[in-house]
């Protein structure tokens, strides 16, 4: 519950601070940005993969601050009011949203155009996923990052 609350409040406060001060760079400490820039500089699309750890909704804002706006893959929320607010926030800080369901063609086009796409890959993939060991237990994982990287010539930064 705390992470959910942080994902609502923290991006709002950071965006407000960015508008007031012009930047949040003084708050950022980023490691490995050179890998992302090298992958994107090579003309390839980039898959920026992470998990639902921390305040993942700030990733778009951070990437915008670094001059590397990204697309995000997201599902439509069940609550239309939250969906409207979150979509507006994501569009302010990134290039756009690729729908999790039915967005494969848009994802392929985006990667082939050399753009960067953010993915959260820690959700249960069910029967369609690859069964892998996670902390000693079998779990179903999405394969989209590996498949798209191979098919589109994209680099993966995880």
C-alpha atoms as a PDB file:
ATOM      1  CA  UNK A   1       0.000   0.000   0.000  1.00  0.00           C
ATOM      2  CA  UNK A   2       2.867   2.419   0.808  1.00  0.00           C
ATOM      3  CA  UNK A   3       4.401   1.955  -2.643  1.00  0.00           C
ATOM      4  CA  UNK A   4       1.049   2.657  -4.283  1.00  0.00           C
ATOM      5  CA  UNK A   5       0.681   5.892  -2.315  1.00  0.00           C
ATOM      6  CA  UNK A   6       4.260   6.903  -3.178  1.00  0.00           C
ATOM      7  CA  UNK A   7       3.529   6.285  -6.874  1.00  0.00           C
ATOM      8  CA  UNK A   8       0.678   8.761  -6.658  1.00  0.00           C
ATOM      9  CA  UNK A   9       2.316  11.440  -4.516  1.00  0.00           C
ATOM     10  CA  UNK A  10       5.999  11.428  -5.476  1.00  0.00           C
ATOM     11  CA  UNK A  11       5.598  12.025  -9.231  1.00  0.00           C
ATOM     12  CA  UNK A  12       3.128  14.819  -8.496  1.00  0.00           C
ATOM     13  CA  UNK A  13       5.540  16.531  -6.105  1.00  0.00           C
ATOM     14  CA  UNK A  14       8.491  16.087  -8.464  1.00  0.00           C
ATOM     15  CA  UNK A  15       6.559  17.491 -11.415  1.00  0.00           C
ATOM     16  CA  UNK A  16       5.425  20.463  -9.326  1.00  0.00           C
ATOM     17  CA  UNK A  17       9.026  21.050  -8.175  1.00  0.00           C
ATOM     18  CA  UNK A  18      10.318  20.767 -11.754  1.00  0.00           C
ATOM     19  CA  UNK A  19       7.837  23.397 -12.952  1.00  0.00           C
ATOM     20  CA  UNK A  20       8.751  25.745 -10.093  1.00  0.00           C
ATOM     21  CA  UNK A  21      12.554  25.358 -10.329  1.00  0.00           C
ATOM     22  CA  UNK A  22      12.997  24.350 -13.946  1.00  0.00           C
ATOM     23  CA  UNK A  23      14.726  21.075 -13.073  1.00  0.00           C
ATOM     24  CA  UNK A  24      15.089  18.261 -10.584  1.00  0.00           C
ATOM     25  CA  UNK A  25      18.623  17.377 -11.685  1.00  0.00           C
ATOM     26  CA  UNK A  26      19.988  18.207  -8.235  1.00  0.00           C
ATOM     27  CA  UNK A  27      17.933  15.313  -6.841  1.00  0.00           C
ATOM     28  CA  UNK A  28      19.114  12.736  -9.376  1.00  0.00           C
ATOM     29  CA  UNK A  29      21.913  10.269  -9.103  1.00  0.00           C
ATOM     30  CA  UNK A  30      21.905   8.002 -12.141  1.00  0.00           C
ATOM     31  CA  UNK A  31      24.296   5.148 -12.746  1.00  0.00           C
ATOM     32  CA  UNK A  32      24.783   3.509 -16.133  1.00  0.00           C
ATOM     33  CA  UNK A  33      23.233   6.240 -18.267  1.00  0.00           C
ATOM     34  CA  UNK A  34      26.132   5.828 -20.701  1.00  0.00           C
ATOM     35  CA  UNK A  35      24.822   2.340 -21.575  1.00  0.00           C
ATOM     36  CA  UNK A  36      21.414   3.713 -22.480  1.00  0.00           C
ATOM     37  CA  UNK A  37      22.940   6.549 -24.501  1.00  0.00           C
ATOM     38  CA  UNK A  38      25.314   4.163 -26.325  1.00  0.00           C
ATOM     39  CA  UNK A  39      22.459   1.829 -27.226  1.00  0.00           C
ATOM     40  CA  UNK A  40      20.267   4.680 -28.441  1.00  0.00           C
ATOM     41  CA  UNK A  41      23.195   6.380 -30.183  1.00  0.00           C
ATOM     42  CA  UNK A  42      23.753   3.261 -32.246  1.00  0.00           C
ATOM     43  CA  UNK A  43      20.368   3.880 -33.877  1.00  0.00           C
ATOM     44  CA  UNK A  44      18.714   0.929 -32.165  1.00  0.00           C
ATOM     45  CA  UNK A  45      15.572   0.947 -30.124  1.00  0.00           C
ATOM     46  CA  UNK A  46      16.092   0.383 -26.418  1.00  0.00           C
ATOM     47  CA  UNK A  47      14.024  -1.632 -23.964  1.00  0.00           C
ATOM     48  CA  UNK A  48      14.424  -0.153 -20.497  1.00  0.00           C
ATOM     49  CA  UNK A  49      13.267  -2.977 -18.214  1.00  0.00           C
ATOM     50  CA  UNK A  50      12.617  -2.889 -14.500  1.00  0.00           C
ATOM     51  CA  UNK A  51      10.137  -4.162 -11.919  1.00  0.00           C
ATOM     52  CA  UNK A  52       7.434  -2.727  -9.696  1.00  0.00           C
ATOM     53  CA  UNK A  53      10.061  -1.675  -7.152  1.00  0.00           C
ATOM     54  CA  UNK A  54      10.081   1.808  -5.681  1.00  0.00           C
ATOM     55  CA  UNK A  55       8.274   4.631  -7.418  1.00  0.00           C
ATOM     56  CA  UNK A  56       8.314   3.365 -10.984  1.00  0.00           C
ATOM     57  CA  UNK A  57       5.981   6.160 -12.109  1.00  0.00           C
ATOM     58  CA  UNK A  58       8.874   8.615 -11.664  1.00  0.00           C
ATOM     59  CA  UNK A  59      10.936   6.876 -14.378  1.00  0.00           C
ATOM     60  CA  UNK A  60       9.356   8.935 -17.159  1.00  0.00           C
ATOM     61  CA  UNK A  61      10.037  12.168 -15.298  1.00  0.00           C
ATOM     62  CA  UNK A  62      13.644  11.194 -14.570  1.00  0.00           C
ATOM     63  CA  UNK A  63      14.250  10.210 -18.190  1.00  0.00           C
ATOM     64  CA  UNK A  64      12.762  13.513 -19.357  1.00  0.00           C
ATOM     65  CA  UNK A  65      15.137  15.370 -17.017  1.00  0.00           C
ATOM     66  CA  UNK A  66      18.031  13.434 -18.558  1.00  0.00           C
ATOM     67  CA  UNK A  67      16.961  14.373 -22.085  1.00  0.00           C
ATOM     68  CA  UNK A  68      15.882  10.801 -22.866  1.00  0.00           C
ATOM     69  CA  UNK A  69      12.053  10.777 -22.936  1.00  0.00           C
ATOM     70  CA  UNK A  70      10.610   7.282 -23.220  1.00  0.00           C
ATOM     71  CA  UNK A  71       7.485   5.453 -24.255  1.00  0.00           C
ATOM     72  CA  UNK A  72       5.847   3.300 -21.587  1.00  0.00           C
ATOM     73  CA  UNK A  73       3.935   0.058 -21.931  1.00  0.00           C
ATOM     74  CA  UNK A  74       0.893   0.093 -19.662  1.00  0.00           C
ATOM     75  CA  UNK A  75      -2.436  -1.557 -19.166  1.00  0.00           C
ATOM     76  CA  UNK A  76      -5.639   0.419 -18.826  1.00  0.00           C
ATOM     77  CA  UNK A  77      -6.574   0.826 -15.151  1.00  0.00           C
ATOM     78  CA  UNK A  78      -9.926  -0.429 -13.893  1.00  0.00           C
ATOM     79  CA  UNK A  79     -10.784   2.962 -12.368  1.00  0.00           C
ATOM     80  CA  UNK A  80     -11.506   5.500 -15.160  1.00  0.00           C
ATOM     81  CA  UNK A  81     -10.692   8.525 -12.969  1.00  0.00           C
ATOM     82  CA  UNK A  82      -7.279   7.147 -12.016  1.00  0.00           C
ATOM     83  CA  UNK A  83      -6.690   6.096 -15.627  1.00  0.00           C
ATOM     84  CA  UNK A  84      -7.373   9.617 -16.910  1.00  0.00           C
ATOM     85  CA  UNK A  85      -5.031  11.192 -14.326  1.00  0.00           C
ATOM     86  CA  UNK A  86      -2.236   8.677 -14.837  1.00  0.00           C
ATOM     87  CA  UNK A  87      -2.453   8.857 -18.632  1.00  0.00           C
ATOM     88  CA  UNK A  88      -2.203  12.646 -18.515  1.00  0.00           C
ATOM     89  CA  UNK A  89       0.823  12.439 -16.210  1.00  0.00           C
ATOM     90  CA  UNK A  90       2.552   9.839 -18.378  1.00  0.00           C
ATOM     91  CA  UNK A  91       1.981  11.890 -21.524  1.00  0.00           C
ATOM     92  CA  UNK A  92       3.516  14.977 -19.873  1.00  0.00           C
ATOM     93  CA  UNK A  93       6.732  13.165 -19.027  1.00  0.00           C
ATOM     94  CA  UNK A  94       7.218  10.807 -21.961  1.00  0.00           C
ATOM     95  CA  UNK A  95       6.668  10.282 -25.642  1.00  0.00           C
ATOM     96  CA  UNK A  96       3.511   8.234 -25.278  1.00  0.00           C
ATOM     97  CA  UNK A  97       1.826   5.075 -24.046  1.00  0.00           C
ATOM     98  CA  UNK A  98       1.841   1.699 -25.755  1.00  0.00           C
ATOM     99  CA  UNK A  99      -1.084  -0.453 -24.618  1.00  0.00           C
ATOM    100  CA  UNK A 100      -0.062  -3.669 -22.859  1.00  0.00           C
ATOM    101  CA  UNK A 101      -2.922  -5.495 -24.528  1.00  0.00           C
ATOM    102  CA  UNK A 102      -2.964  -5.175 -28.299  1.00  0.00           C
ATOM    103  CA  UNK A 103       0.044  -2.877 -28.604  1.00  0.00           C
ATOM    104  CA  UNK A 104       2.565  -5.236 -30.223  1.00  0.00           C
ATOM    105  CA  UNK A 105       2.544  -3.495 -33.612  1.00  0.00           C
ATOM    106  CA  UNK A 106       3.065  -0.091 -31.991  1.00  0.00           C
ATOM    107  CA  UNK A 107       5.871  -1.540 -29.857  1.00  0.00           C
ATOM    108  CA  UNK A 108       7.600  -2.968 -32.940  1.00  0.00           C
ATOM    109  CA  UNK A 109       7.287   0.315 -34.854  1.00  0.00           C
ATOM    110  CA  UNK A 110       8.563   2.314 -31.881  1.00  0.00           C
ATOM    111  CA  UNK A 111      11.630   0.110 -31.397  1.00  0.00           C
ATOM    112  CA  UNK A 112      12.418   0.016 -35.115  1.00  0.00           C
ATOM    113  CA  UNK A 113      12.268   3.830 -35.117  1.00  0.00           C
ATOM    114  CA  UNK A 114      15.094   3.822 -32.556  1.00  0.00           C
ATOM    115  CA  UNK A 115      12.966   4.951 -29.616  1.00  0.00           C
ATOM    116  CA  UNK A 116      13.278   3.905 -25.953  1.00  0.00           C
ATOM    117  CA  UNK A 117      10.458   1.949 -24.318  1.00  0.00           C
ATOM    118  CA  UNK A 118      10.009   1.313 -20.593  1.00  0.00           C
ATOM    119  CA  UNK A 119       8.668  -2.061 -19.435  1.00  0.00           C
ATOM    120  CA  UNK A 120       7.795  -3.448 -16.005  1.00  0.00           C
ATOM    121  CA  UNK A 121       8.362  -7.178 -16.348  1.00  0.00           C
ATOM    122  CA  UNK A 122       7.634  -8.630 -12.925  1.00  0.00           C
ATOM    123  CA  UNK A 123       3.999  -9.582 -13.414  1.00  0.00           C
ATOM    124  CA  UNK A 124       2.791 -13.158 -13.660  1.00  0.00           C
ATOM    125  CA  UNK A 125       2.625 -14.146 -17.335  1.00  0.00           C
ATOM    126  CA  UNK A 126       0.385 -17.140 -16.691  1.00  0.00           C
ATOM    127  CA  UNK A 127       0.415 -20.019 -19.166  1.00  0.00           C
ATOM    128  CA  UNK A 128       1.889 -17.819 -21.937  1.00  0.00           C
ATOM    129  CA  UNK A 129       5.077 -17.099 -19.998  1.00  0.00           C
ATOM    130  CA  UNK A 130       8.390 -18.858 -19.635  1.00  0.00           C
ATOM    131  CA  UNK A 131       8.635 -20.908 -16.450  1.00  0.00           C
ATOM    132  CA  UNK A 132      11.804 -19.796 -14.629  1.00  0.00           C
ATOM    133  CA  UNK A 133      13.251 -20.181 -11.168  1.00  0.00           C
ATOM    134  CA  UNK A 134      12.643 -17.191  -8.886  1.00  0.00           C
ATOM    135  CA  UNK A 135      14.094 -17.437  -5.380  1.00  0.00           C
ATOM    136  CA  UNK A 136      13.912 -21.225  -5.583  1.00  0.00           C
ATOM    137  CA  UNK A 137      10.318 -21.330  -6.795  1.00  0.00           C
ATOM    138  CA  UNK A 138       9.036 -21.757 -10.364  1.00  0.00           C
ATOM    139  CA  UNK A 139       7.305 -18.638 -11.694  1.00  0.00           C
ATOM    140  CA  UNK A 140       5.915 -17.551 -15.041  1.00  0.00           C
ATOM    141  CA  UNK A 141       7.754 -14.645 -16.678  1.00  0.00           C
ATOM    142  CA  UNK A 142       6.973 -12.496 -19.714  1.00  0.00           C
ATOM    143  CA  UNK A 143       9.271 -13.004 -22.688  1.00  0.00           C
ATOM    144  CA  UNK A 144       8.353  -9.808 -24.557  1.00  0.00           C
ATOM    145  CA  UNK A 145      11.654  -8.024 -23.868  1.00  0.00           C
ATOM    146  CA  UNK A 146      13.807 -10.822 -25.276  1.00  0.00           C
ATOM    147  CA  UNK A 147      11.522 -11.488 -28.230  1.00  0.00           C
ATOM    148  CA  UNK A 148      11.233  -7.809 -29.168  1.00  0.00           C
ATOM    149  CA  UNK A 149      14.946  -7.178 -28.739  1.00  0.00           C
ATOM    150  CA  UNK A 150      15.746 -10.042 -31.076  1.00  0.00           C
ATOM    151  CA  UNK A 151      13.077  -9.230 -33.686  1.00  0.00           C
ATOM    152  CA  UNK A 152      13.642  -5.472 -33.725  1.00  0.00           C
ATOM    153  CA  UNK A 153      17.389  -5.326 -33.128  1.00  0.00           C
ATOM    154  CA  UNK A 154      16.768  -3.419 -29.906  1.00  0.00           C
ATOM    155  CA  UNK A 155      19.146  -3.210 -26.977  1.00  0.00           C
ATOM    156  CA  UNK A 156      17.979  -4.210 -23.516  1.00  0.00           C
ATOM    157  CA  UNK A 157      18.886  -2.202 -20.411  1.00  0.00           C
ATOM    158  CA  UNK A 158      17.615  -4.003 -17.335  1.00  0.00           C
END
